[in-house]
Amino acid sequence: MKMKNWVGVLLCVSAGFAAFAADSPVFHMPFDETAEVILADGTTAKGIVYGKEIYDAGIVGRALNIKRHAYDQVTCVNFKGPSSVNLTQGTASFWLKPTWNFHDGAKHDLFRLACEGGFGMSLVKTDKDILDLSVRAPKQTQILSTVEMKADQWIHVAITWDMTSGRCVLYANGDRLKEV
Protein backbone atom coordinates (compact mmCIF):
# COMPACT_ATOMS: atom_id res chain seq x y z
CA MET A 1 0.00 0.00 0.00
CA LYS A 2 1.45 3.33 -0.99
CA MET A 3 0.42 6.18 1.30
CA LYS A 4 1.01 9.85 0.79
CA ASN A 5 0.50 12.13 3.73
CA TRP A 6 0.49 15.71 2.49
CA VAL A 7 1.12 18.12 5.31
CA GLY A 8 1.90 21.79 4.99
CA VAL A 9 0.94 22.15 1.33
CA LEU A 10 1.15 25.74 0.07
CA LEU A 11 3.26 26.98 2.98
CA CYS A 12 0.24 26.77 5.18
CA VAL A 13 0.62 24.42 8.11
CA SER A 14 2.96 23.06 10.72
CA ALA A 15 1.93 19.59 11.77
CA GLY A 16 2.48 18.06 15.16
CA PHE A 17 2.13 14.33 15.53
CA ALA A 18 -0.32 12.52 13.28
CA ALA A 19 -1.79 9.08 13.84
CA PHE A 20 -4.10 6.75 11.95
CA ALA A 21 -6.06 3.99 13.60
CA ALA A 22 -8.36 1.28 12.36
CA ASP A 23 -8.97 -1.51 14.92
CA SER A 24 -5.54 -0.68 16.31
CA PRO A 25 -3.07 2.04 15.33
CA VAL A 26 -1.81 1.57 11.77
CA PHE A 27 0.96 4.14 11.98
CA HIS A 28 2.20 7.11 13.96
CA MET A 29 4.10 10.12 12.65
CA PRO A 30 5.71 11.94 15.58
CA PHE A 31 7.55 14.49 13.35
CA ASP A 32 10.15 14.75 16.11
CA GLU A 33 13.17 15.94 14.08
CA THR A 34 12.42 13.32 11.42
CA ALA A 35 9.73 12.45 8.89
CA GLU A 36 10.08 8.78 9.83
CA VAL A 37 6.82 6.86 10.28
CA ILE A 38 6.38 4.28 13.04
CA LEU A 39 4.26 1.36 11.83
CA ALA A 40 2.00 -0.78 14.04
CA ASP A 41 4.56 -3.58 14.30
CA GLY A 42 7.20 -1.14 15.61
CA THR A 43 9.18 -0.99 12.38
CA THR A 44 9.78 2.32 10.69
CA ALA A 45 9.22 3.64 7.20
CA LYS A 46 11.32 6.48 5.89
CA GLY A 47 9.29 9.55 5.07
CA ILE A 48 10.54 11.56 2.12
CA VAL A 49 9.94 15.30 2.48
CA TYR A 50 9.37 17.35 -0.67
CA GLY A 51 10.11 20.98 0.18
CA LYS A 52 12.24 22.69 2.81
CA GLU A 53 12.05 20.62 6.00
CA ILE A 54 11.87 22.74 9.18
CA TYR A 55 11.22 21.40 12.69
CA ASP A 56 9.54 23.89 15.02
CA ALA A 57 8.24 23.55 18.57
CA GLY A 58 5.17 21.32 18.58
CA ILE A 59 2.49 20.46 21.11
CA VAL A 60 4.77 17.68 22.37
CA GLY A 61 8.30 17.56 21.00
CA ARG A 62 8.80 19.02 17.55
CA ALA A 63 6.52 19.72 14.57
CA LEU A 64 7.22 19.49 10.86
CA ASN A 65 6.79 22.69 8.86
CA ILE A 66 7.31 22.24 5.12
CA LYS A 67 8.05 25.33 3.05
CA ARG A 68 7.97 25.53 -0.73
CA HIS A 69 11.10 26.50 -2.64
CA ALA A 70 9.03 27.69 -5.63
CA TYR A 71 5.42 28.76 -6.16
CA ASP A 72 4.54 25.59 -8.11
CA GLN A 73 6.31 23.10 -5.85
CA VAL A 74 4.33 20.32 -4.19
CA THR A 75 5.13 20.11 -0.49
CA CYS A 76 4.43 16.80 1.19
CA VAL A 77 5.71 13.84 3.15
CA ASN A 78 5.57 10.60 1.19
CA PHE A 79 6.09 7.10 2.59
CA LYS A 80 5.23 3.50 1.80
CA GLY A 81 2.95 2.09 4.47
CA PRO A 82 1.74 -1.40 5.39
CA SER A 83 0.16 -3.44 2.60
CA SER A 84 -2.56 -5.34 4.49
CA VAL A 85 -4.59 -2.58 6.13
CA ASN A 86 -8.36 -2.28 5.72
CA LEU A 87 -9.20 1.42 5.99
CA THR A 88 -12.97 1.19 5.43
CA GLN A 89 -13.31 2.49 9.00
CA GLY A 90 -10.97 4.27 11.35
CA THR A 91 -9.80 7.47 13.00
CA ALA A 92 -7.20 10.04 12.00
CA SER A 93 -5.96 12.53 14.57
CA PHE A 94 -3.43 15.33 14.17
CA TRP A 95 -2.44 18.82 15.28
CA LEU A 96 -2.24 21.72 12.81
CA LYS A 97 -0.84 25.21 13.16
CA PRO A 98 -1.82 27.37 10.17
CA THR A 99 0.41 30.26 9.16
CA TRP A 100 -2.67 32.07 7.80
CA ASN A 101 -6.06 33.24 9.11
CA PHE A 102 -9.16 31.24 8.19
CA HIS A 103 -10.95 34.10 6.42
CA ASP A 104 -8.11 34.92 4.02
CA GLY A 105 -10.09 33.91 0.89
CA ALA A 106 -7.33 31.52 -0.24
CA LYS A 107 -7.33 27.75 -0.72
CA HIS A 108 -5.06 25.71 1.57
CA ASP A 109 -4.54 21.95 1.31
CA LEU A 110 -4.16 20.86 4.93
CA PHE A 111 -3.93 17.12 4.58
CA ARG A 112 -4.08 14.49 1.85
CA LEU A 113 -3.77 10.72 2.08
CA ALA A 114 -3.90 8.45 -0.97
CA CYS A 115 -3.54 4.68 -0.79
CA GLU A 116 -3.46 1.89 -3.32
CA GLY A 117 -6.78 0.08 -3.29
CA GLY A 118 -8.95 3.19 -3.47
CA PHE A 119 -8.79 4.71 0.04
CA GLY A 120 -8.24 8.43 0.12
CA MET A 121 -8.80 11.39 2.39
CA SER A 122 -8.34 15.12 2.06
CA LEU A 123 -8.92 18.14 4.27
CA VAL A 124 -8.92 21.47 2.43
CA LYS A 125 -9.71 25.03 3.48
CA THR A 126 -11.43 26.40 0.38
CA ASP A 127 -11.16 29.88 -1.05
CA LYS A 128 -14.76 30.36 0.18
CA ASP A 129 -13.51 29.82 3.78
CA ILE A 130 -15.16 26.41 4.12
CA LEU A 131 -13.44 23.35 5.59
CA ASP A 132 -13.94 20.50 3.10
CA LEU A 133 -13.31 16.95 4.34
CA SER A 134 -13.57 14.15 1.77
CA VAL A 135 -13.15 10.46 2.61
CA ARG A 136 -13.16 7.81 -0.15
CA ALA A 137 -13.19 4.14 0.85
CA PRO A 138 -14.30 3.28 -1.90
CA LYS A 139 -17.40 5.51 -2.09
CA GLN A 140 -16.93 9.16 -1.26
CA THR A 141 -18.36 11.00 1.74
CA GLN A 142 -17.95 14.76 2.01
CA ILE A 143 -18.35 17.15 4.94
CA LEU A 144 -18.44 20.92 4.48
CA SER A 145 -18.04 22.94 7.66
CA THR A 146 -16.59 26.13 9.06
CA VAL A 147 -14.19 26.31 11.95
CA GLU A 148 -12.22 29.25 13.22
CA MET A 149 -8.53 28.72 12.55
CA LYS A 150 -6.14 31.47 13.53
CA ALA A 151 -2.62 32.06 12.34
CA ASP A 152 0.06 30.59 14.61
CA GLN A 153 -2.45 28.82 16.90
CA TRP A 154 -2.58 25.04 17.24
CA ILE A 155 -5.83 23.23 16.45
CA HIS A 156 -6.48 19.53 17.02
CA VAL A 157 -8.32 17.78 14.18
CA ALA A 158 -9.86 14.32 14.43
CA ILE A 159 -11.75 12.47 11.73
CA THR A 160 -13.68 9.23 12.18
CA TRP A 161 -15.22 7.27 9.36
CA ASP A 162 -17.11 4.05 8.68
CA MET A 163 -17.69 3.61 4.99
CA THR A 164 -19.90 0.55 5.55
CA SER A 165 -22.52 2.75 7.22
CA GLY A 166 -21.45 5.92 5.37
CA ARG A 167 -20.88 7.73 8.68
CA CYS A 168 -18.14 10.34 8.85
CA VAL A 169 -17.48 12.85 11.69
CA LEU A 170 -15.15 15.85 11.78
CA TYR A 171 -13.91 17.25 15.11
CA ALA A 172 -11.86 20.35 15.94
CA ASN A 173 -10.42 20.81 19.44
CA GLY A 174 -12.76 18.10 20.73
CA ASP A 175 -15.92 19.74 19.36
CA ARG A 176 -17.99 17.82 16.83
CA LEU A 177 -18.19 20.13 13.82
CA LYS A 178 -20.31 18.01 11.55
CA GLU A 179 -21.46 14.45 10.96
CA VAL A 180 -22.85 12.81 7.84
C-alpha atoms as a PDB file:
ATOM      1  CA  MET A   1       0.000   0.000   0.000  1.00  0.00           C
ATOM      2  CA  LYS A   2       1.445   3.326  -0.987  1.00  0.00           C
ATOM      3  CA  MET A   3       0.422   6.181   1.300  1.00  0.00           C
ATOM      4  CA  LYS A   4       1.014   9.845   0.795  1.00  0.00           C
ATOM      5  CA  ASN A   5       0.499  12.133   3.730  1.00  0.00           C
ATOM      6  CA  TRP A   6       0.492  15.706   2.486  1.00  0.00           C
ATOM      7  CA  VAL A   7       1.124  18.120   5.313  1.00  0.00           C
ATOM      8  CA  GLY A   8       1.896  21.793   4.986  1.00  0.00           C
ATOM      9  CA  VAL A   9       0.945  22.151   1.335  1.00  0.00           C
ATOM     10  CA  LEU A  10       1.146  25.735   0.068  1.00  0.00           C
ATOM     11  CA  LEU A  11       3.259  26.982   2.983  1.00  0.00           C
ATOM     12  CA  CYS A  12       0.243  26.770   5.181  1.00  0.00           C
ATOM     13  CA  VAL A  13       0.621  24.421   8.106  1.00  0.00           C
ATOM     14  CA  SER A  14       2.960  23.060  10.720  1.00  0.00           C
ATOM     15  CA  ALA A  15       1.928  19.593  11.766  1.00  0.00           C
ATOM     16  CA  GLY A  16       2.482  18.063  15.157  1.00  0.00           C
ATOM     17  CA  PHE A  17       2.127  14.326  15.527  1.00  0.00           C
ATOM     18  CA  ALA A  18      -0.320  12.517  13.275  1.00  0.00           C
ATOM     19  CA  ALA A  19      -1.785   9.079  13.837  1.00  0.00           C
ATOM     20  CA  PHE A  20      -4.095   6.747  11.948  1.00  0.00           C
ATOM     21  CA  ALA A  21      -6.060   3.992  13.600  1.00  0.00           C
ATOM     22  CA  ALA A  22      -8.363   1.279  12.359  1.00  0.00           C
ATOM     23  CA  ASP A  23      -8.975  -1.505  14.918  1.00  0.00           C
ATOM     24  CA  SER A  24      -5.542  -0.681  16.314  1.00  0.00           C
ATOM     25  CA  PRO A  25      -3.067   2.043  15.330  1.00  0.00           C
ATOM     26  CA  VAL A  26      -1.815   1.572  11.768  1.00  0.00           C
ATOM     27  CA  PHE A  27       0.963   4.141  11.979  1.00  0.00           C
ATOM     28  CA  HIS A  28       2.197   7.108  13.959  1.00  0.00           C
ATOM     29  CA  MET A  29       4.100  10.116  12.646  1.00  0.00           C
ATOM     30  CA  PRO A  30       5.707  11.937  15.583  1.00  0.00           C
ATOM     31  CA  PHE A  31       7.553  14.489  13.345  1.00  0.00           C
ATOM     32  CA  ASP A  32      10.153  14.754  16.111  1.00  0.00           C
ATOM     33  CA  GLU A  33      13.170  15.944  14.081  1.00  0.00           C
ATOM     34  CA  THR A  34      12.420  13.319  11.424  1.00  0.00           C
ATOM     35  CA  ALA A  35       9.728  12.450   8.885  1.00  0.00           C
ATOM     36  CA  GLU A  36      10.076   8.779   9.828  1.00  0.00           C
ATOM     37  CA  VAL A  37       6.821   6.860  10.279  1.00  0.00           C
ATOM     38  CA  ILE A  38       6.383   4.282  13.045  1.00  0.00           C
ATOM     39  CA  LEU A  39       4.262   1.361  11.832  1.00  0.00           C
ATOM     40  CA  ALA A  40       2.001  -0.778  14.043  1.00  0.00           C
ATOM     41  CA  ASP A  41       4.563  -3.582  14.302  1.00  0.00           C
ATOM     42  CA  GLY A  42       7.203  -1.144  15.611  1.00  0.00           C
ATOM     43  CA  THR A  43       9.181  -0.992  12.382  1.00  0.00           C
ATOM     44  CA  THR A  44       9.780   2.324  10.694  1.00  0.00           C
ATOM     45  CA  ALA A  45       9.221   3.638   7.200  1.00  0.00           C
ATOM     46  CA  LYS A  46      11.320   6.483   5.890  1.00  0.00           C
ATOM     47  CA  GLY A  47       9.291   9.555   5.072  1.00  0.00           C
ATOM     48  CA  ILE A  48      10.540  11.562   2.122  1.00  0.00           C
ATOM     49  CA  VAL A  49       9.941  15.305   2.477  1.00  0.00           C
ATOM     50  CA  TYR A  50       9.368  17.350  -0.668  1.00  0.00           C
ATOM     51  CA  GLY A  51      10.111  20.979   0.175  1.00  0.00           C
ATOM     52  CA  LYS A  52      12.239  22.689   2.807  1.00  0.00           C
ATOM     53  CA  GLU A  53      12.048  20.618   6.005  1.00  0.00           C
ATOM     54  CA  ILE A  54      11.866  22.740   9.177  1.00  0.00           C
ATOM     55  CA  TYR A  55      11.222  21.404  12.688  1.00  0.00           C
ATOM     56  CA  ASP A  56       9.545  23.886  15.022  1.00  0.00           C
ATOM     57  CA  ALA A  57       8.238  23.554  18.572  1.00  0.00           C
ATOM     58  CA  GLY A  58       5.172  21.321  18.583  1.00  0.00           C
ATOM     59  CA  ILE A  59       2.488  20.456  21.112  1.00  0.00           C
ATOM     60  CA  VAL A  60       4.773  17.675  22.374  1.00  0.00           C
ATOM     61  CA  GLY A  61       8.301  17.562  21.004  1.00  0.00           C
ATOM     62  CA  ARG A  62       8.805  19.024  17.553  1.00  0.00           C
ATOM     63  CA  ALA A  63       6.525  19.724  14.571  1.00  0.00           C
ATOM     64  CA  LEU A  64       7.217  19.487  10.855  1.00  0.00           C
ATOM     65  CA  ASN A  65       6.792  22.687   8.861  1.00  0.00           C
ATOM     66  CA  ILE A  66       7.312  22.243   5.123  1.00  0.00           C
ATOM     67  CA  LYS A  67       8.050  25.334   3.049  1.00  0.00           C
ATOM     68  CA  ARG A  68       7.970  25.532  -0.730  1.00  0.00           C
ATOM     69  CA  HIS A  69      11.104  26.502  -2.639  1.00  0.00           C
ATOM     70  CA  ALA A  70       9.033  27.694  -5.631  1.00  0.00           C
ATOM     71  CA  TYR A  71       5.423  28.761  -6.163  1.00  0.00           C
ATOM     72  CA  ASP A  72       4.545  25.595  -8.105  1.00  0.00           C
ATOM     73  CA  GLN A  73       6.313  23.099  -5.849  1.00  0.00           C
ATOM     74  CA  VAL A  74       4.335  20.323  -4.195  1.00  0.00           C
ATOM     75  CA  THR A  75       5.133  20.113  -0.490  1.00  0.00           C
ATOM     76  CA  CYS A  76       4.432  16.804   1.190  1.00  0.00           C
ATOM     77  CA  VAL A  77       5.710  13.836   3.150  1.00  0.00           C
ATOM     78  CA  ASN A  78       5.568  10.596   1.193  1.00  0.00           C
ATOM     79  CA  PHE A  79       6.090   7.095   2.587  1.00  0.00           C
ATOM     80  CA  LYS A  80       5.234   3.503   1.803  1.00  0.00           C
ATOM     81  CA  GLY A  81       2.950   2.090   4.471  1.00  0.00           C
ATOM     82  CA  PRO A  82       1.742  -1.402   5.392  1.00  0.00           C
ATOM     83  CA  SER A  83       0.157  -3.442   2.598  1.00  0.00           C
ATOM     84  CA  SER A  84      -2.560  -5.342   4.488  1.00  0.00           C
ATOM     85  CA  VAL A  85      -4.593  -2.583   6.126  1.00  0.00           C
ATOM     86  CA  ASN A  86      -8.361  -2.277   5.722  1.00  0.00           C
ATOM     87  CA  LEU A  87      -9.199   1.422   5.992  1.00  0.00           C
ATOM     88  CA  THR A  88     -12.970   1.187   5.432  1.00  0.00           C
ATOM     89  CA  GLN A  89     -13.307   2.493   8.995  1.00  0.00           C
ATOM     90  CA  GLY A  90     -10.971   4.268  11.352  1.00  0.00           C
ATOM     91  CA  THR A  91      -9.804   7.467  12.998  1.00  0.00           C
ATOM     92  CA  ALA A  92      -7.196  10.040  12.001  1.00  0.00           C
ATOM     93  CA  SER A  93      -5.959  12.532  14.572  1.00  0.00           C
ATOM     94  CA  PHE A  94      -3.425  15.329  14.172  1.00  0.00           C
ATOM     95  CA  TRP A  95      -2.441  18.824  15.280  1.00  0.00           C
ATOM     96  CA  LEU A  96      -2.237  21.724  12.806  1.00  0.00           C
ATOM     97  CA  LYS A  97      -0.836  25.214  13.164  1.00  0.00           C
ATOM     98  CA  PRO A  98      -1.820  27.370  10.173  1.00  0.00           C
ATOM     99  CA  THR A  99       0.408  30.256   9.160  1.00  0.00           C
ATOM    100  CA  TRP A 100      -2.674  32.066   7.798  1.00  0.00           C
ATOM    101  CA  ASN A 101      -6.063  33.241   9.109  1.00  0.00           C
ATOM    102  CA  PHE A 102      -9.159  31.243   8.189  1.00  0.00           C
ATOM    103  CA  HIS A 103     -10.951  34.098   6.417  1.00  0.00           C
ATOM    104  CA  ASP A 104      -8.105  34.918   4.017  1.00  0.00           C
ATOM    105  CA  GLY A 105     -10.087  33.913   0.889  1.00  0.00           C
ATOM    106  CA  ALA A 106      -7.330  31.523  -0.239  1.00  0.00           C
ATOM    107  CA  LYS A 107      -7.329  27.753  -0.723  1.00  0.00           C
ATOM    108  CA  HIS A 108      -5.057  25.714   1.567  1.00  0.00           C
ATOM    109  CA  ASP A 109      -4.537  21.946   1.308  1.00  0.00           C
ATOM    110  CA  LEU A 110      -4.159  20.859   4.932  1.00  0.00           C
ATOM    111  CA  PHE A 111      -3.925  17.118   4.584  1.00  0.00           C
ATOM    112  CA  ARG A 112      -4.079  14.489   1.849  1.00  0.00           C
ATOM    113  CA  LEU A 113      -3.772  10.718   2.079  1.00  0.00           C
ATOM    114  CA  ALA A 114      -3.901   8.454  -0.970  1.00  0.00           C
ATOM    115  CA  CYS A 115      -3.539   4.683  -0.795  1.00  0.00           C
ATOM    116  CA  GLU A 116      -3.459   1.892  -3.323  1.00  0.00           C
ATOM    117  CA  GLY A 117      -6.783   0.080  -3.291  1.00  0.00           C
ATOM    118  CA  GLY A 118      -8.950   3.189  -3.469  1.00  0.00           C
ATOM    119  CA  PHE A 119      -8.794   4.708   0.041  1.00  0.00           C
ATOM    120  CA  GLY A 120      -8.238   8.434   0.115  1.00  0.00           C
ATOM    121  CA  MET A 121      -8.802  11.393   2.395  1.00  0.00           C
ATOM    122  CA  SER A 122      -8.335  15.123   2.055  1.00  0.00           C
ATOM    123  CA  LEU A 123      -8.920  18.140   4.274  1.00  0.00           C
ATOM    124  CA  VAL A 124      -8.920  21.466   2.429  1.00  0.00           C
ATOM    125  CA  LYS A 125      -9.706  25.026   3.482  1.00  0.00           C
ATOM    126  CA  THR A 126     -11.434  26.399   0.378  1.00  0.00           C
ATOM    127  CA  ASP A 127     -11.156  29.885  -1.052  1.00  0.00           C
ATOM    128  CA  LYS A 128     -14.763  30.358   0.183  1.00  0.00           C
ATOM    129  CA  ASP A 129     -13.506  29.823   3.783  1.00  0.00           C
ATOM    130  CA  ILE A 130     -15.159  26.406   4.115  1.00  0.00           C
ATOM    131  CA  LEU A 131     -13.442  23.355   5.592  1.00  0.00           C
ATOM    132  CA  ASP A 132     -13.936  20.504   3.097  1.00  0.00           C
ATOM    133  CA  LEU A 133     -13.315  16.946   4.342  1.00  0.00           C
ATOM    134  CA  SER A 134     -13.571  14.155   1.772  1.00  0.00           C
ATOM    135  CA  VAL A 135     -13.149  10.463   2.605  1.00  0.00           C
ATOM    136  CA  ARG A 136     -13.158   7.807  -0.154  1.00  0.00           C
ATOM    137  CA  ALA A 137     -13.189   4.135   0.853  1.00  0.00           C
ATOM    138  CA  PRO A 138     -14.295   3.280  -1.902  1.00  0.00           C
ATOM    139  CA  LYS A 139     -17.398   5.512  -2.093  1.00  0.00           C
ATOM    140  CA  GLN A 140     -16.933   9.161  -1.256  1.00  0.00           C
ATOM    141  CA  THR A 141     -18.364  10.999   1.736  1.00  0.00           C
ATOM    142  CA  GLN A 142     -17.946  14.760   2.008  1.00  0.00           C
ATOM    143  CA  ILE A 143     -18.346  17.153   4.939  1.00  0.00           C
ATOM    144  CA  LEU A 144     -18.442  20.915   4.483  1.00  0.00           C
ATOM    145  CA  SER A 145     -18.038  22.944   7.662  1.00  0.00           C
ATOM    146  CA  THR A 146     -16.590  26.126   9.062  1.00  0.00           C
ATOM    147  CA  VAL A 147     -14.187  26.310  11.954  1.00  0.00           C
ATOM    148  CA  GLU A 148     -12.218  29.250  13.223  1.00  0.00           C
ATOM    149  CA  MET A 149      -8.525  28.724  12.545  1.00  0.00           C
ATOM    150  CA  LYS A 150      -6.137  31.471  13.532  1.00  0.00           C
ATOM    151  CA  ALA A 151      -2.618  32.056  12.342  1.00  0.00           C
ATOM    152  CA  ASP A 152       0.058  30.586  14.612  1.00  0.00           C
ATOM    153  CA  GLN A 153      -2.450  28.823  16.904  1.00  0.00           C
ATOM    154  CA  TRP A 154      -2.584  25.041  17.238  1.00  0.00           C
ATOM    155  CA  ILE A 155      -5.835  23.231  16.453  1.00  0.00           C
ATOM    156  CA  HIS A 156      -6.479  19.526  17.023  1.00  0.00           C
ATOM    157  CA  VAL A 157      -8.316  17.779  14.185  1.00  0.00           C
ATOM    158  CA  ALA A 158      -9.861  14.319  14.429  1.00  0.00           C
ATOM    159  CA  ILE A 159     -11.752  12.466  11.733  1.00  0.00           C
ATOM    160  CA  THR A 160     -13.678   9.229  12.181  1.00  0.00           C
ATOM    161  CA  TRP A 161     -15.222   7.270   9.360  1.00  0.00           C
ATOM    162  CA  ASP A 162     -17.109   4.054   8.683  1.00  0.00           C
ATOM    163  CA  MET A 163     -17.686   3.612   4.988  1.00  0.00           C
ATOM    164  CA  THR A 164     -19.897   0.552   5.549  1.00  0.00           C
ATOM    165  CA  SER A 165     -22.517   2.754   7.217  1.00  0.00           C
ATOM    166  CA  GLY A 166     -21.453   5.923   5.368  1.00  0.00           C
ATOM    167  CA  ARG A 167     -20.875   7.733   8.682  1.00  0.00           C
ATOM    168  CA  CYS A 168     -18.140  10.344   8.855  1.00  0.00           C
ATOM    169  CA  VAL A 169     -17.478  12.846  11.686  1.00  0.00           C
ATOM    170  CA  LEU A 170     -15.149  15.850  11.778  1.00  0.00           C
ATOM    171  CA  TYR A 171     -13.911  17.250  15.106  1.00  0.00           C
ATOM    172  CA  ALA A 172     -11.865  20.348  15.939  1.00  0.00           C
ATOM    173  CA  ASN A 173     -10.423  20.809  19.440  1.00  0.00           C
ATOM    174  CA  GLY A 174     -12.764  18.095  20.734  1.00  0.00           C
ATOM    175  CA  ASP A 175     -15.920  19.741  19.360  1.00  0.00           C
ATOM    176  CA  ARG A 176     -17.994  17.819  16.834  1.00  0.00           C
ATOM    177  CA  LEU A 177     -18.192  20.132  13.817  1.00  0.00           C
ATOM    178  CA  LYS A 178     -20.314  18.011  11.551  1.00  0.00           C
ATOM    179  CA  GLU A 179     -21.458  14.454  10.958  1.00  0.00           C
ATOM    180  CA  VAL A 180     -22.849  12.807   7.841  1.00  0.00           C
END
